[in-house]
Amino acid sequence: MSPITLPDHAPISDAELRAVAERYGLTGIDGAPVPLAQTGMINAVYALSPHLVLRVPRNHPGHVAQLLRERAAVPAARAAGVRTPALVAFDDSRAILPVPYAIYERVAGIPFELLGRDVRSAPTVWRELGRDLGRLHAGATRTDVAGDLSEGAPMPDPRDLVERRAGEGWFTAMEASWLLRWLERLSPAAREPVPKRLIHADTQPTNVMVAIPDDAAPVYHALIDWGCAQWGDDAVDIACAPLGAAPFLLEGHREIARLTADDTAEARVLWRNWQIALDQLPRGAVPGFSWGENPTARVIDTLRFFAARPDGRWRTWRPEG
């Protein structure tokens, strides 16, 4: 894997923006499109009205496919009780724009990542997200509109990735031996097959919308960006967030529903966490991209998590000294 390179966003002209607005009976659209803060990799987001946003993927088959997954996942998530903005319109005709586009309700607040705060400083936000994930995992079924979404492609065994990254020079045999011992302990629990649930699969801080009341802690509003939605292990939705948020996510989730094979959930979270970190490690520095695309940030967060000596089941799965 090389550093991240992406195709350009499809340019949106004033006339195209007005044509989209007129198609849905919106008035008062005048002047250049107003782009909103860019936190994700796939879509450009524009303010279409005070209450609506336009999401336009990059002109690439993989990015278009992610928007198509949103069309199925969002209604299923909302039906399960997840707080996520409604999909108001979807157009894949390419009659106005060169790519499909979606119009969503506009969510108050900003992505948690833009606060620049440690996830540990806002446990209530992550507990609330955990409750929403519990509703998603327990409530969505294969008979829903999202039933035809694919299962996630298997990631490489992290033990193989350790050996590969050591051979590439990212760390030495000493670190590889330590990490392999940890992964061998996790393996029996982490690799046990579990029933597949509908998962968001991208619960990083850029996709967690919060508001900040005056002189108060952040308040969770919604989980956005369902382009990675798939059927898979529900522990993945815990692992995609910073590990520092995992205890809060699991606490909230378990108030709504236990995870599948709940007694091995922490082990599966750690296994996937290392899969992601080791898979992405060759990216190196990724200036301008989010926490979820930054493997070094994930590794530091993991080591910091265990340096704080977490209790409960995490003690069972902690690394050797």
Protein backbone atom coordinates (compact mmCIF):
# COMPACT_ATOMS: atom_id res chain seq x y z
CA MET A 1 0.00 0.00 0.00
CA SER A 2 1.27 3.46 -0.91
CA PRO A 3 0.39 6.89 0.50
CA ILE A 4 -3.22 7.83 -0.24
CA THR A 5 -3.95 9.17 -3.70
CA LEU A 6 -7.47 10.06 -4.76
CA PRO A 7 -9.16 11.17 -7.97
CA ASP A 8 -10.31 14.78 -8.08
CA HIS A 9 -13.78 15.74 -6.97
CA ALA A 10 -16.24 16.30 -9.79
CA PRO A 11 -16.57 20.09 -10.20
CA ILE A 12 -20.09 21.40 -9.57
CA SER A 13 -21.04 24.49 -11.55
CA ASP A 14 -23.53 27.13 -10.44
CA ALA A 15 -25.92 26.00 -13.16
CA GLU A 16 -25.70 22.34 -12.12
CA LEU A 17 -26.36 23.22 -8.50
CA ARG A 18 -29.43 25.25 -9.46
CA ALA A 19 -30.64 22.39 -11.68
CA VAL A 20 -30.40 19.95 -8.78
CA ALA A 21 -32.26 22.38 -6.50
CA GLU A 22 -35.00 23.04 -9.06
CA ARG A 23 -35.51 19.33 -9.62
CA TYR A 24 -36.61 19.02 -5.99
CA GLY A 25 -38.57 22.26 -5.81
CA LEU A 26 -35.98 24.18 -3.80
CA THR A 27 -35.83 27.92 -4.28
CA GLY A 28 -33.39 30.64 -3.33
CA ILE A 29 -30.32 28.85 -4.67
CA ASP A 30 -28.13 31.51 -6.18
CA GLY A 31 -24.40 31.89 -6.68
CA ALA A 32 -21.59 29.38 -6.30
CA PRO A 33 -22.05 26.10 -4.41
CA VAL A 34 -21.09 26.36 -0.75
CA PRO A 35 -18.82 23.44 0.21
CA LEU A 36 -18.99 22.26 3.81
CA ALA A 37 -16.02 21.11 5.89
CA GLN A 38 -14.29 18.21 4.13
CA THR A 39 -13.59 15.42 6.62
CA GLY A 40 -14.21 12.26 4.56
CA MET A 41 -12.33 10.86 1.59
CA ILE A 42 -15.18 9.94 -0.73
CA ASN A 43 -17.76 12.72 -1.04
CA ALA A 44 -17.82 16.46 -1.49
CA VAL A 45 -20.63 17.96 0.59
CA TYR A 46 -22.47 21.17 -0.29
CA ALA A 47 -25.06 23.21 1.55
CA LEU A 48 -28.13 22.98 -0.66
CA SER A 49 -30.45 24.80 1.73
CA PRO A 50 -30.50 25.55 5.47
CA HIS A 51 -31.92 22.06 6.04
CA LEU A 52 -30.42 19.96 3.23
CA VAL A 53 -26.97 18.94 2.01
CA LEU A 54 -25.85 17.54 -1.32
CA ARG A 55 -23.31 14.69 -1.29
CA VAL A 56 -21.38 14.05 -4.49
CA PRO A 57 -18.81 11.22 -4.72
CA ARG A 58 -15.55 11.43 -6.60
CA ASN A 59 -15.88 10.16 -10.16
CA HIS A 60 -14.50 6.69 -9.49
CA PRO A 61 -16.38 3.35 -9.55
CA GLY A 62 -15.40 2.47 -5.99
CA HIS A 63 -16.52 5.82 -4.63
CA VAL A 64 -19.80 5.70 -6.54
CA ALA A 65 -20.38 2.20 -5.14
CA GLN A 66 -20.11 3.60 -1.62
CA LEU A 67 -22.87 6.10 -2.29
CA LEU A 68 -25.03 3.28 -3.66
CA ARG A 69 -24.55 1.40 -0.39
CA GLU A 70 -25.81 4.41 1.52
CA ARG A 71 -29.08 4.24 -0.40
CA ALA A 72 -29.76 0.83 1.15
CA ALA A 73 -28.13 1.24 4.57
CA VAL A 74 -29.58 4.56 5.71
CA PRO A 75 -33.29 3.58 5.61
CA ALA A 76 -32.49 0.32 7.42
CA ALA A 77 -30.50 2.15 10.09
CA ARG A 78 -33.23 4.72 10.67
CA ALA A 79 -35.85 1.97 10.88
CA ALA A 80 -33.74 0.35 13.60
CA GLY A 81 -33.77 3.61 15.59
CA VAL A 82 -30.29 4.91 14.76
CA ARG A 83 -29.90 8.67 14.84
CA THR A 84 -28.73 9.42 11.33
CA PRO A 85 -29.98 12.04 8.84
CA ALA A 86 -32.73 10.98 6.45
CA LEU A 87 -31.95 10.33 2.82
CA VAL A 88 -34.28 12.79 1.07
CA ALA A 89 -33.41 12.04 -2.56
CA PHE A 90 -31.08 9.89 -4.60
CA ASP A 91 -30.32 10.29 -8.30
CA ASP A 92 -28.19 7.89 -10.30
CA SER A 93 -29.47 8.98 -13.72
CA ARG A 94 -26.40 11.21 -14.34
CA ALA A 95 -28.73 13.57 -16.18
CA ILE A 96 -27.43 16.60 -14.26
CA LEU A 97 -24.13 15.54 -12.73
CA PRO A 98 -21.56 13.07 -14.12
CA VAL A 99 -21.97 10.87 -11.02
CA PRO A 100 -24.89 9.81 -8.80
CA TYR A 101 -25.66 12.13 -5.91
CA ALA A 102 -27.65 12.09 -2.69
CA ILE A 103 -29.54 14.77 -0.77
CA TYR A 104 -29.68 14.40 3.01
CA GLU A 105 -31.17 16.22 5.92
CA ARG A 106 -28.63 18.62 7.34
CA VAL A 107 -27.47 17.65 10.83
CA ALA A 108 -26.81 20.31 13.45
CA GLY A 109 -23.31 20.36 14.86
CA ILE A 110 -19.90 19.30 13.59
CA PRO A 111 -17.89 16.08 13.33
CA PHE A 112 -16.27 15.17 16.66
CA GLU A 113 -12.84 15.13 15.00
CA LEU A 114 -13.04 18.85 14.27
CA LEU A 115 -13.20 19.56 18.01
CA GLY A 116 -9.58 18.44 18.31
CA ARG A 117 -10.44 16.71 21.59
CA ASP A 118 -9.41 13.36 22.99
CA VAL A 119 -12.26 10.83 22.76
CA ARG A 120 -11.72 10.07 26.46
CA SER A 121 -12.89 13.60 27.30
CA ALA A 122 -16.42 12.92 26.03
CA PRO A 123 -17.58 9.53 27.34
CA THR A 124 -21.25 10.46 27.01
CA VAL A 125 -20.88 10.96 23.26
CA TRP A 126 -19.41 7.51 22.79
CA ARG A 127 -21.92 5.82 25.09
CA GLU A 128 -24.72 7.36 23.02
CA LEU A 129 -23.09 6.15 19.82
CA GLY A 130 -22.77 2.70 21.43
CA ARG A 131 -26.52 2.71 22.09
CA ASP A 132 -27.18 3.56 18.46
CA LEU A 133 -24.88 0.73 17.36
CA GLY A 134 -26.76 -1.62 19.67
CA ARG A 135 -30.00 -0.62 17.98
CA LEU A 136 -28.46 -1.14 14.54
CA HIS A 137 -26.96 -4.54 15.29
CA ALA A 138 -30.03 -5.86 17.09
CA GLY A 139 -32.68 -4.29 14.90
CA ALA A 140 -31.62 -4.56 11.25
CA THR A 141 -32.31 -7.87 9.53
CA ARG A 142 -31.63 -9.44 6.17
CA THR A 143 -35.27 -8.84 5.23
CA ASP A 144 -34.71 -5.07 5.40
CA VAL A 145 -33.85 -2.87 2.44
CA ALA A 146 -30.17 -3.38 3.33
CA GLY A 147 -30.46 -7.15 3.11
CA ASP A 148 -28.71 -7.29 -0.26
CA LEU A 149 -25.62 -5.43 0.89
CA SER A 150 -22.50 -7.56 0.66
CA GLU A 151 -20.50 -9.05 3.49
CA GLY A 152 -17.19 -7.37 4.14
CA ALA A 153 -14.15 -8.82 2.39
CA PRO A 154 -11.90 -10.64 4.87
CA MET A 155 -8.79 -8.75 5.94
CA PRO A 156 -5.39 -10.45 6.16
CA ASP A 157 -4.48 -12.30 9.32
CA PRO A 158 -2.64 -9.68 11.42
CA ARG A 159 0.05 -12.24 12.30
CA ASP A 160 0.94 -12.46 8.61
CA LEU A 161 0.94 -8.66 8.45
CA VAL A 162 3.35 -8.49 11.40
CA GLU A 163 5.85 -10.66 9.58
CA ARG A 164 5.39 -8.71 6.36
CA ARG A 165 5.83 -5.31 7.99
CA ALA A 166 8.89 -6.51 9.91
CA GLY A 167 10.38 -7.72 6.63
CA GLU A 168 9.70 -4.32 5.09
CA GLY A 169 11.56 -2.62 7.93
CA TRP A 170 8.73 -0.89 9.77
CA PHE A 171 9.94 -2.47 13.01
CA THR A 172 12.46 -5.08 14.07
CA ALA A 173 12.21 -8.76 14.97
CA MET A 174 12.05 -7.76 18.64
CA GLU A 175 8.79 -5.80 18.23
CA ALA A 176 7.43 -8.43 15.85
CA SER A 177 7.98 -11.20 18.41
CA TRP A 178 6.20 -9.22 21.13
CA LEU A 179 3.22 -8.41 18.91
CA LEU A 180 2.96 -11.95 17.58
CA ARG A 181 2.76 -13.34 21.11
CA TRP A 182 -0.13 -10.96 21.83
CA LEU A 183 -1.96 -11.87 18.63
CA GLU A 184 -1.50 -15.60 19.28
CA ARG A 185 -3.28 -15.14 22.61
CA LEU A 186 -6.11 -13.25 20.92
CA SER A 187 -6.45 -15.62 17.98
CA PRO A 188 -8.68 -18.42 19.35
CA ALA A 189 -11.34 -15.98 20.56
CA ALA A 190 -10.96 -13.42 17.78
CA ARG A 191 -11.21 -15.88 14.90
CA GLU A 192 -14.27 -17.75 16.15
CA PRO A 193 -17.02 -17.32 13.50
CA VAL A 194 -19.91 -15.10 14.56
CA PRO A 195 -23.29 -14.32 12.97
CA LYS A 196 -23.23 -11.35 10.62
CA ARG A 197 -25.01 -8.13 11.53
CA LEU A 198 -25.56 -4.91 9.59
CA ILE A 199 -22.60 -2.71 10.54
CA HIS A 200 -21.59 0.85 9.74
CA ALA A 201 -17.89 -0.14 9.46
CA ASP A 202 -16.51 3.43 9.64
CA THR A 203 -17.23 4.77 13.13
CA GLN A 204 -14.21 7.07 13.22
CA PRO A 205 -14.61 10.54 14.81
CA THR A 206 -15.23 12.28 11.46
CA ASN A 207 -18.56 10.45 11.19
CA VAL A 208 -19.80 11.23 14.69
CA MET A 209 -21.79 14.47 14.69
CA VAL A 210 -21.92 16.46 17.91
CA ALA A 211 -23.14 19.83 19.15
CA ILE A 212 -21.55 21.89 21.91
CA PRO A 213 -24.01 23.80 24.09
CA ASP A 214 -22.64 26.91 25.77
CA ASP A 215 -20.10 25.95 28.44
CA ALA A 216 -21.09 22.30 28.24
CA ALA A 217 -19.70 18.97 27.09
CA PRO A 218 -20.27 17.79 23.50
CA VAL A 219 -23.67 16.21 22.85
CA TYR A 220 -24.06 13.33 20.40
CA HIS A 221 -26.38 14.08 17.48
CA ALA A 222 -25.92 11.46 14.77
CA LEU A 223 -23.81 8.88 13.01
CA ILE A 224 -23.27 9.78 9.35
CA ASP A 225 -21.62 8.40 6.19
CA TRP A 226 -22.86 4.86 5.52
CA GLY A 227 -20.73 4.23 2.45
CA CYS A 228 -18.86 1.33 4.10
CA ALA A 229 -22.01 -0.37 5.44
CA GLN A 230 -21.96 -4.14 5.12
CA TRP A 231 -22.88 -7.37 6.87
CA GLY A 232 -20.16 -8.40 9.28
CA ASP A 233 -18.94 -8.85 12.84
CA ASP A 234 -20.57 -6.23 15.06
CA ALA A 235 -17.28 -5.83 16.97
CA VAL A 236 -15.90 -4.11 13.84
CA ASP A 237 -18.01 -1.05 14.66
CA ILE A 238 -16.21 -0.78 17.98
CA ALA A 239 -12.78 -1.37 16.45
CA CYS A 240 -13.11 1.31 13.76
CA ALA A 241 -13.28 4.01 16.43
CA PRO A 242 -10.29 4.95 18.59
CA LEU A 243 -9.62 2.26 21.18
CA GLY A 244 -9.86 4.95 23.86
CA ALA A 245 -13.59 5.14 23.09
CA ALA A 246 -14.15 1.36 23.08
CA PRO A 247 -15.12 0.92 26.76
CA PHE A 248 -17.76 3.65 26.42
CA LEU A 249 -19.05 2.25 23.13
CA LEU A 250 -19.37 -1.24 24.61
CA GLU A 251 -21.05 0.10 27.74
CA GLY A 252 -23.70 1.90 25.69
CA HIS A 253 -24.14 -1.01 23.29
CA ARG A 254 -24.69 -3.50 26.12
CA GLU A 255 -27.42 -1.29 27.58
CA ILE A 256 -29.37 -1.97 24.39
CA ALA A 257 -28.14 -5.44 23.42
CA ARG A 258 -25.20 -7.73 23.94
CA LEU A 259 -22.86 -8.15 20.99
CA THR A 260 -22.83 -11.46 19.18
CA ALA A 261 -20.56 -13.86 21.08
CA ASP A 262 -20.31 -11.08 23.63
CA ASP A 263 -17.74 -12.84 25.81
CA THR A 264 -15.13 -12.52 23.02
CA ALA A 265 -16.07 -9.01 21.88
CA GLU A 266 -13.01 -7.29 23.36
CA ALA A 267 -10.66 -9.81 21.76
CA ARG A 268 -12.32 -9.30 18.37
CA VAL A 269 -12.04 -5.53 18.75
CA LEU A 270 -8.32 -5.78 19.39
CA TRP A 271 -7.78 -8.24 16.52
CA ARG A 272 -9.51 -5.95 14.01
CA ASN A 273 -7.77 -2.91 15.46
CA TRP A 274 -4.38 -4.46 14.67
CA GLN A 275 -5.60 -5.65 11.27
CA ILE A 276 -6.41 -2.06 10.35
CA ALA A 277 -3.23 -0.56 11.81
CA LEU A 278 -0.87 -3.08 10.21
CA ASP A 279 -2.69 -3.03 6.88
CA GLN A 280 -2.46 0.77 6.69
CA LEU A 281 1.05 1.14 8.09
CA PRO A 282 2.77 1.60 4.68
CA ARG A 283 0.80 4.81 4.18
CA GLY A 284 3.25 6.53 6.50
CA ALA A 285 2.43 10.19 7.07
CA VAL A 286 -0.98 11.22 5.74
CA PRO A 287 -1.27 15.00 6.15
CA GLY A 288 -4.75 16.35 5.61
CA PHE A 289 -6.53 13.06 6.23
CA SER A 290 -8.63 12.00 9.20
CA TRP A 291 -7.76 9.92 12.25
CA GLY A 292 -9.25 6.82 10.65
CA GLU A 293 -6.82 7.01 7.74
CA ASN A 294 -3.77 7.54 9.96
CA PRO A 295 -2.13 4.27 11.05
CA THR A 296 0.38 5.94 13.36
CA ALA A 297 -2.42 7.65 15.28
CA ARG A 298 -4.14 4.27 15.71
CA VAL A 299 -0.98 2.59 17.01
CA ILE A 300 -0.33 5.38 19.51
CA ASP A 301 -3.96 5.28 20.67
CA THR A 302 -3.70 1.51 21.21
CA LEU A 303 -0.51 1.70 23.26
CA ARG A 304 -1.88 4.61 25.25
CA PHE A 305 -5.03 2.61 26.00
CA PHE A 306 -3.09 -0.20 27.61
CA ALA A 307 -0.64 2.14 29.32
CA ALA A 308 -3.67 3.37 31.32
CA ARG A 309 -4.24 -0.22 32.55
CA PRO A 310 -7.88 -0.74 31.58
CA ASP A 311 -9.93 -3.02 33.77
CA GLY A 312 -12.64 -5.59 33.14
CA ARG A 313 -12.23 -7.95 30.22
CA TRP A 314 -9.51 -5.74 28.74
CA ARG A 315 -7.19 -7.04 31.48
CA THR A 316 -7.65 -10.56 30.10
CA TRP A 317 -6.48 -9.52 26.65
CA ARG A 318 -3.79 -6.99 27.54
CA PRO A 319 -0.32 -7.51 26.03
CA GLU A 320 2.59 -8.95 27.91
CA GLY A 321 4.98 -6.53 29.60
